[in-house]
Structures are given as C-alpha cells and as structure tokens.
Amino acid sequence: MTVEDIEHHYSSGTLLERLNAALIDDGADPAHPTIEALAPYDQFHGRGMEATEEIAGMLSVAPTDRLLDIGSGIGGPARYMAHRFGCRVTGIDLTAEFCDVARHLTRLLALESQVGFELGNALSMPFPDASFDGAYSMNVSMNIADKAALYGEIRRVLKPGGWLMLSELAQGPGGPLDFPTPWAATGSSSFLSTPEETRRGLEAAGFEIVQFRDAAEDMKAYGARSKAMVERGEKPPHRAVQLIHGDAAVTAMRNTARGVAERRIVPVEILSRRRG
C-alpha cells in the first residue's frame, strides 16, 4: 500500500465543503464552529468523542507538556487535548487534505498557538529525538504493515518515560474481515495485528504496558445507542465516517459492527510507557 493509495482512500478534495454543509444542516455556523459542533465529524475513530474523552481521562497531562497525535485526521482529538489540558499538540498525517482542513478548523477555534499539523509519514517523522512528553494514536495502525517500524519511530520521538496511548482495532479469532471498512476498501490495504502481537510488538520496541483493555463491549453499546437514536429520527453522535466516505460509509460501518460482534475485530485501548 502506497501513500497515494491511502490518500485516495481518505481524500476527495471536497471535504471542507461537505463539512460546512453538514454543520449548516445541524444549525451551526461553519465560520464560527465550536468544539461541540465539530465533535460528530472531527473524531474519525470508533466511538468518536466518547472514546477521546475516555482516553483523556486515563492520562496525566501538564500544561507544559507537548503531545503528538499520530494520524491526526482533521484534528478533533488534538484540539480537544489542547483545550482540556492547556498543553501543546502536534498532529501528523499522510493525507494533505486532512492537514489543510485541520489547520483551517484550528484557526477558527483560535487554537493555532497550541495545536499544529504536519504532513508526513508516521514511519519517518520530521521530529528530533525525545521531542514529546506523550503520544497517542486512534484507529491508525490498521493502515500500517510494519508495526515494528511504527513503534520504534514513536519510541524515538518520545522522551524517556513518556507515555503512548493507542486506541486501535485488532484482529480477532472470529475469522477474516468483510470489506470495505472505514480504513480500507479491500484486504490488500488492511493490516490488523492480534492483541497479543500488539503487546509483544510494543514490548519489543521498548515500551512497558501499563494498561491493556478490550473495548468491544463499549463499542457494541455505543453502536446500540446510536442505532436507537437513528430509529427515533435523530442524528447519530458519530458522523465522521459518512463525512469522509459518503455513500460507502453505510456498508463500511456495517462490516465493522459485524466484525466486532463476531470477534473478527477486537477494539483495544493500550496505555504504555517508553522505558529509559
């Protein structure tokens, strides 16, 4: 899978226009959005803002800390972390359109002094060694085949003792996935590790596991609540997949939900620390 393949999967060239239209439909002003108005769209990962808030609650972050968001998308988690903790956050993403929209939204929210975005590859990041106090990544590694290189590069840019929070989808025992999914149109661009492979890979790269959690029940409960909202005629709380993938989102989300229900996909949340 090439960089161009990833960009083609995620980028349409009309993302900002579609986001603005969605905000107007919600009754929000695209020129003056709030973090709350953007939340259904700028949290492009399982359980959306709920997962971001949950992960933030597991972290100890000082206003002087510098955090790294790996696979930052259009910047929702980065802006949330900066707003919540008063810290500085740098996001990195392969998709140019995501970075452009992320910068635009960050300017509108007057957070550009705290939050910045770099176009780049997580396997070769443009940051000096030991640049960050903490790093997180949400639903990103499924597009990365070389997990050892990813974990090694994250370790390089973290300070000794720095934390790494991963919220990812792992390969479960229930069999192969159905495609498309939100992260891949076909199996040729999907690279899921099992939970145990993920644990071993992090430890081999020099991380100590602090907490390792199977979040499948949380994801299923979130899906059930979202379905009930739609059945009542309300909008679901997480609309980022529809924003990014349009008509293909329905099938992609259905395949993911079925994968979780059948244990073909295991959502995991992992907190680890870089050993000195």
Protein backbone atom coordinates (compact mmCIF):
# COMPACT_ATOMS: atom_id res chain seq x y z
CA MET A 1 0.00 0.00 0.00
CA THR A 2 1.45 3.36 -1.05
CA VAL A 3 1.00 6.85 0.33
CA GLU A 4 -1.07 7.63 -2.75
CA ASP A 5 -3.36 4.66 -2.02
CA ILE A 6 -4.03 5.96 1.48
CA GLU A 7 -4.69 9.50 0.26
CA HIS A 8 -7.06 8.17 -2.42
CA HIS A 9 -9.00 6.18 0.21
CA TYR A 10 -9.48 9.14 2.53
CA SER A 11 -9.36 12.26 0.36
CA SER A 12 -11.98 13.57 -2.06
CA GLY A 13 -10.91 17.20 -2.46
CA THR A 14 -14.30 18.43 -1.25
CA LEU A 15 -14.04 17.61 2.46
CA LEU A 16 -14.32 21.18 3.77
CA GLU A 17 -17.32 21.94 1.56
CA ARG A 18 -19.11 18.81 2.77
CA LEU A 19 -18.24 19.55 6.39
CA ASN A 20 -19.58 23.09 6.10
CA ALA A 21 -22.80 21.80 4.56
CA ALA A 22 -23.20 19.28 7.39
CA LEU A 23 -22.68 21.98 10.01
CA ILE A 24 -25.28 24.21 8.36
CA ASP A 25 -27.71 21.28 8.33
CA ASP A 26 -27.09 20.90 12.06
CA GLY A 27 -27.86 24.57 12.62
CA ALA A 28 -24.22 25.53 13.30
CA ASP A 29 -22.23 28.37 11.73
CA PRO A 30 -19.27 26.99 9.73
CA ALA A 31 -17.42 30.30 10.14
CA HIS A 32 -17.68 30.13 13.93
CA PRO A 33 -17.79 26.44 14.92
CA THR A 34 -17.43 25.14 18.45
CA ILE A 35 -15.64 22.01 19.61
CA GLU A 36 -19.08 20.57 20.40
CA ALA A 37 -20.47 21.32 16.93
CA LEU A 38 -17.47 19.72 15.25
CA ALA A 39 -17.38 16.65 17.51
CA PRO A 40 -19.65 14.41 15.38
CA TYR A 41 -17.34 15.00 12.38
CA ASP A 42 -13.77 15.57 13.52
CA GLN A 43 -13.34 12.44 15.67
CA PHE A 44 -12.68 9.86 12.92
CA HIS A 45 -12.38 6.73 15.08
CA GLY A 46 -14.58 4.23 16.85
CA ARG A 47 -16.97 5.77 19.41
CA GLY A 48 -15.91 9.27 18.36
CA MET A 49 -15.76 11.88 21.10
CA GLU A 50 -16.76 9.34 23.74
CA ALA A 51 -13.53 7.43 23.14
CA THR A 52 -11.44 10.62 23.05
CA GLU A 53 -12.84 11.76 26.39
CA GLU A 54 -12.32 8.33 27.88
CA ILE A 55 -8.70 8.15 26.78
CA ALA A 56 -8.00 11.68 28.01
CA GLY A 57 -9.33 10.66 31.40
CA MET A 58 -6.65 7.97 31.62
CA LEU A 59 -3.82 10.44 31.08
CA SER A 60 -1.91 12.81 33.30
CA VAL A 61 -1.02 15.85 31.18
CA ALA A 62 0.50 19.13 32.36
CA PRO A 63 0.04 22.46 30.55
CA THR A 64 3.78 22.43 29.83
CA ASP A 65 3.62 19.05 28.07
CA ARG A 66 3.99 18.59 24.34
CA LEU A 67 1.88 15.81 22.85
CA LEU A 68 2.00 14.02 19.49
CA ASP A 69 -1.14 12.92 17.64
CA ILE A 70 -0.18 10.18 15.15
CA GLY A 71 -2.66 10.04 12.29
CA SER A 72 -4.35 13.27 13.33
CA GLY A 73 -7.03 13.44 10.62
CA ILE A 74 -8.86 16.76 10.66
CA GLY A 75 -7.65 17.45 14.17
CA GLY A 76 -10.53 16.77 16.54
CA PRO A 77 -8.60 14.86 19.22
CA ALA A 78 -5.63 17.25 19.04
CA ARG A 79 -7.85 20.28 19.59
CA TYR A 80 -9.71 18.51 22.39
CA MET A 81 -6.50 17.58 24.21
CA ALA A 82 -5.11 21.12 23.90
CA HIS A 83 -8.38 22.65 25.10
CA ARG A 84 -8.75 20.23 28.01
CA PHE A 85 -5.19 20.24 29.32
CA GLY A 86 -3.85 23.58 28.09
CA CYS A 87 -0.91 21.73 26.52
CA ARG A 88 0.65 21.89 23.05
CA VAL A 89 -0.24 19.22 20.50
CA THR A 90 1.38 18.41 17.16
CA GLY A 91 -0.51 16.21 14.73
CA ILE A 92 0.99 14.30 11.82
CA ASP A 93 -0.99 12.76 8.96
CA LEU A 94 -0.31 11.37 5.48
CA THR A 95 -3.36 12.96 3.89
CA ALA A 96 -2.79 16.53 2.73
CA GLU A 97 -6.48 17.40 2.64
CA PHE A 98 -6.88 16.30 6.26
CA CYS A 99 -3.98 18.55 7.32
CA ASP A 100 -5.38 21.52 5.39
CA VAL A 101 -8.84 21.16 6.94
CA ALA A 102 -7.33 20.54 10.38
CA ARG A 103 -5.36 23.81 10.19
CA HIS A 104 -8.43 25.70 8.97
CA LEU A 105 -10.63 24.47 11.82
CA THR A 106 -7.90 25.12 14.37
CA ARG A 107 -7.63 28.74 13.22
CA LEU A 108 -11.39 29.16 13.51
CA LEU A 109 -11.24 27.88 17.08
CA ALA A 110 -8.30 30.20 17.89
CA LEU A 111 -6.14 27.26 18.98
CA GLU A 112 -3.29 27.67 16.47
CA SER A 113 -0.89 28.78 19.22
CA GLN A 114 -1.34 25.37 20.88
CA VAL A 115 -2.08 22.99 18.00
CA GLY A 116 -0.19 22.42 14.75
CA PHE A 117 -0.26 19.82 11.99
CA GLU A 118 2.50 18.30 9.86
CA LEU A 119 2.06 16.41 6.61
CA GLY A 120 4.22 13.32 6.99
CA ASN A 121 4.68 9.59 7.44
CA ALA A 122 4.46 8.00 10.88
CA LEU A 123 7.32 5.67 9.90
CA SER A 124 9.69 8.60 9.35
CA MET A 125 8.56 11.57 11.41
CA PRO A 126 10.15 15.02 10.97
CA PHE A 127 10.81 15.48 14.68
CA PRO A 128 14.03 15.31 16.73
CA ASP A 129 14.62 12.52 19.22
CA ALA A 130 12.82 12.85 22.56
CA SER A 131 10.57 15.71 21.37
CA PHE A 132 7.34 14.73 23.12
CA ASP A 133 6.10 14.01 26.63
CA GLY A 134 3.30 11.79 25.37
CA ALA A 135 1.80 10.43 22.16
CA TYR A 136 -1.48 8.89 21.14
CA SER A 137 -2.92 7.30 18.03
CA MET A 138 -6.54 6.41 17.34
CA ASN A 139 -7.51 3.91 14.65
CA VAL A 140 -4.41 4.47 12.55
CA SER A 141 -2.13 1.42 12.66
CA MET A 142 -4.62 -0.68 10.64
CA ASN A 143 -3.15 1.03 7.55
CA ILE A 144 0.47 0.32 8.56
CA ALA A 145 2.02 -3.06 7.78
CA ASP A 146 5.36 -2.51 9.53
CA LYS A 147 4.26 -2.22 13.13
CA ALA A 148 7.82 -2.66 14.44
CA ALA A 149 8.95 0.39 12.48
CA LEU A 150 5.95 2.38 13.74
CA TYR A 151 6.57 1.55 17.39
CA GLY A 152 10.29 2.18 17.02
CA GLU A 153 9.72 5.60 15.48
CA ILE A 154 7.25 6.56 18.20
CA ARG A 155 9.75 5.49 20.84
CA ARG A 156 12.41 7.63 19.17
CA VAL A 157 10.40 10.85 19.37
CA LEU A 158 9.18 10.26 22.94
CA LYS A 159 11.14 11.37 25.97
CA PRO A 160 12.30 8.56 28.31
CA GLY A 161 9.31 7.70 30.48
CA GLY A 162 6.93 9.30 28.01
CA TRP A 163 3.56 7.65 27.56
CA LEU A 164 1.93 6.17 24.45
CA MET A 165 -1.83 5.68 24.23
CA LEU A 166 -3.16 3.52 21.41
CA SER A 167 -6.83 3.04 20.57
CA GLU A 168 -6.86 0.53 17.72
CA LEU A 169 -8.73 -2.30 16.05
CA ALA A 170 -7.00 -5.67 16.37
CA GLN A 171 -7.52 -8.93 14.50
CA GLY A 172 -9.84 -11.21 16.44
CA PRO A 173 -10.21 -15.01 16.39
CA GLY A 174 -13.54 -14.98 14.52
CA GLY A 175 -12.07 -15.08 11.00
CA PRO A 176 -11.26 -12.67 8.17
CA LEU A 177 -12.95 -9.30 7.79
CA ASP A 178 -15.53 -8.20 5.26
CA PHE A 179 -14.68 -5.14 3.16
CA PRO A 180 -14.97 -2.25 2.71
CA THR A 181 -14.26 -0.88 6.16
CA PRO A 182 -13.69 2.75 7.15
CA TRP A 183 -9.92 2.25 6.90
CA ALA A 184 -9.65 0.01 3.84
CA ALA A 185 -11.58 -0.70 0.65
CA THR A 186 -10.04 -4.18 0.33
CA GLY A 187 -7.94 -6.58 2.36
CA SER A 188 -4.81 -5.52 0.49
CA SER A 189 -4.69 -2.26 2.44
CA SER A 190 -5.71 -3.58 5.87
CA PHE A 191 -3.03 -4.69 8.34
CA LEU A 192 -4.52 -5.77 11.65
CA SER A 193 -2.39 -7.41 14.33
CA THR A 194 -3.84 -9.60 17.06
CA PRO A 195 -3.95 -8.15 20.58
CA GLU A 196 -1.09 -10.39 21.63
CA GLU A 197 1.01 -9.41 18.60
CA THR A 198 0.40 -5.79 19.51
CA ARG A 199 1.51 -6.36 23.09
CA ARG A 200 4.66 -8.19 22.01
CA GLY A 201 5.48 -5.57 19.40
CA LEU A 202 5.25 -2.71 21.87
CA GLU A 203 7.37 -4.53 24.44
CA ALA A 204 9.99 -5.42 21.84
CA ALA A 205 10.17 -1.74 20.82
CA GLY A 206 10.96 -0.68 24.37
CA PHE A 207 7.55 0.05 25.89
CA GLU A 208 6.19 -1.13 29.22
CA ILE A 209 2.48 -1.95 29.15
CA VAL A 210 0.56 -0.05 31.84
CA GLN A 211 -2.99 -0.99 30.83
CA PHE A 212 -4.35 -3.21 28.06
CA ARG A 213 -8.13 -3.21 27.62
CA ASP A 214 -10.58 -4.95 25.33
CA ALA A 215 -13.16 -2.27 24.46
CA ALA A 216 -15.54 -4.46 22.43
CA GLU A 217 -18.45 -4.22 24.86
CA ASP A 218 -18.14 -0.44 24.94
CA MET A 219 -18.15 -0.30 21.15
CA LYS A 220 -21.21 -2.55 20.89
CA ALA A 221 -23.09 -0.49 23.49
CA TYR A 222 -22.20 2.72 21.65
CA GLY A 223 -23.48 1.19 18.41
CA ALA A 224 -26.75 0.19 20.06
CA ARG A 225 -27.27 3.71 21.45
CA SER A 226 -26.51 5.22 18.05
CA LYS A 227 -28.96 2.87 16.33
CA ALA A 228 -31.67 3.79 18.81
CA MET A 229 -31.10 7.49 18.11
CA VAL A 230 -31.48 6.93 14.36
CA GLU A 231 -34.66 4.92 14.92
CA ARG A 232 -36.06 7.88 16.90
CA GLY A 233 -35.35 10.13 13.94
CA GLU A 234 -32.27 11.74 15.49
CA LYS A 235 -28.79 12.07 14.04
CA PRO A 236 -26.21 9.62 15.42
CA PRO A 237 -23.44 11.09 17.61
CA HIS A 238 -20.67 9.92 15.27
CA ARG A 239 -20.94 11.07 11.64
CA ALA A 240 -17.29 11.25 10.62
CA VAL A 241 -17.32 8.08 8.50
CA GLN A 242 -20.23 9.43 6.47
CA LEU A 243 -18.40 12.74 6.06
CA ILE A 244 -15.24 11.04 4.77
CA HIS A 245 -16.70 8.18 2.73
CA GLY A 246 -20.16 9.34 1.67
CA ASP A 247 -22.42 6.59 0.35
CA ALA A 248 -19.81 3.88 1.03
CA ALA A 249 -19.99 4.61 4.77
CA VAL A 250 -23.10 2.52 5.40
CA THR A 251 -21.51 -0.72 4.20
CA ALA A 252 -18.17 0.08 5.82
CA MET A 253 -19.74 0.73 9.21
CA ARG A 254 -21.98 -2.32 8.96
CA ASN A 255 -18.98 -4.54 8.20
CA THR A 256 -17.11 -3.12 11.18
CA ALA A 257 -20.03 -3.60 13.56
CA ARG A 258 -20.50 -7.18 12.38
CA GLY A 259 -16.78 -7.80 12.73
CA VAL A 260 -16.83 -6.64 16.35
CA ALA A 261 -19.96 -8.67 17.14
CA GLU A 262 -18.41 -11.83 15.66
CA ARG A 263 -14.98 -11.23 17.27
CA ARG A 264 -13.31 -10.84 13.92
CA ILE A 265 -12.34 -7.36 15.14
CA VAL A 266 -11.23 -6.60 18.69
CA PRO A 267 -11.13 -2.91 19.71
CA VAL A 268 -8.24 -2.39 22.14
CA GLU A 269 -7.03 0.52 24.26
CA ILE A 270 -3.41 0.32 25.36
CA LEU A 271 -1.52 2.66 27.66
CA SER A 272 2.24 2.13 27.73
CA ARG A 273 5.40 4.00 28.68
CA ARG A 274 8.73 4.28 26.98
CA ARG A 275 11.42 2.56 29.01
CA GLY A 276 14.53 4.64 29.55
